[in-house]
Amino acid sequence: MTLMKCKVGMNSELLGDFFGVQLSVVSQVLNTWLKFLAYELKPLIHWPDKEITKETLPHVYTSIAPNLRCIIDCTKIFIERPRDMELQAQTWSDYKKKNNTLKFLVAMAPNGSISYIFEAYGGRASDRFIVMDSGFLNLIDPTDEVMADRGFPIQSDLVMRQANLIIPPPGQGSEQMTKENVLKTKAVANVRIHVERAIGRIKCFQILTNTLPITLVPLANEIFTICSAVSNLQPPLVK
């Protein structure tokens, strides 16, 4: 029942009809098993050893990021509008026609597996704030390279850890980009797309693409953990 809820996003009333149980039983099962599965499956999401990551680095990264530790991105899920005005403000987002959302930080190992997720933030939180507040940088070692898009202005924070941020070169306004910057932008985009593919695997669970009922918002972290962990059971995205 719980995995069906996650995979196909079936509402609780239909789940009750499908399994021949009352709505209250569905709620009890989901509340119990979402927590249990998240706890049991979380070890599937692990931060790989630095040396192992380097030794097994797929060749697609070697020319642009030979010390790549991870690619990071944030993703949002829609939620029902909370009644609490403060929660409405915290989760309000202009993302896709203005909605209430939760936002998750995701790190992908070079092979395409999800190596790190953190608990949900309100949709208004900036990418940089989430990176700094989550403690993600504590995982970064000297000489590591972290790849992201321009929405993560964390270069100085990584430099303090003797690490490096790889992002597309900044635009030059009305001036034409240099050939070198054009090539670097294309190279970064070609490999950064893998984190979007990894998040796409997570979003194959329709509970994350539907609007999350307000009754399940307190379990959003558990839901995202389950979907991320199960996605890691698939073959590597990048070889």
Foldseek 3Di string as FASTA:
>chain_A
DQLCCQQVVDDLVVVCVVVVHDSVVSVVCNVPVLVVLLVVLLVLQAQDDQVVLLVPQFPLCCVPFSRERWEKDKDKFAADQDPDPVQNVFQWDPPPPIGGIWMKMWIARNLLATRDIFDTTRPVDFPQNCCVVRCVLVVDAAAYEYEYEPSHPCQVVVVVRNYGYQYQDDDDPPDDDDPVSVVSNVSSVVRSCSNVVSVVQLVSRVCRHDHPYPVCVVSVRSSSSSSSSVSSVDGGPGD
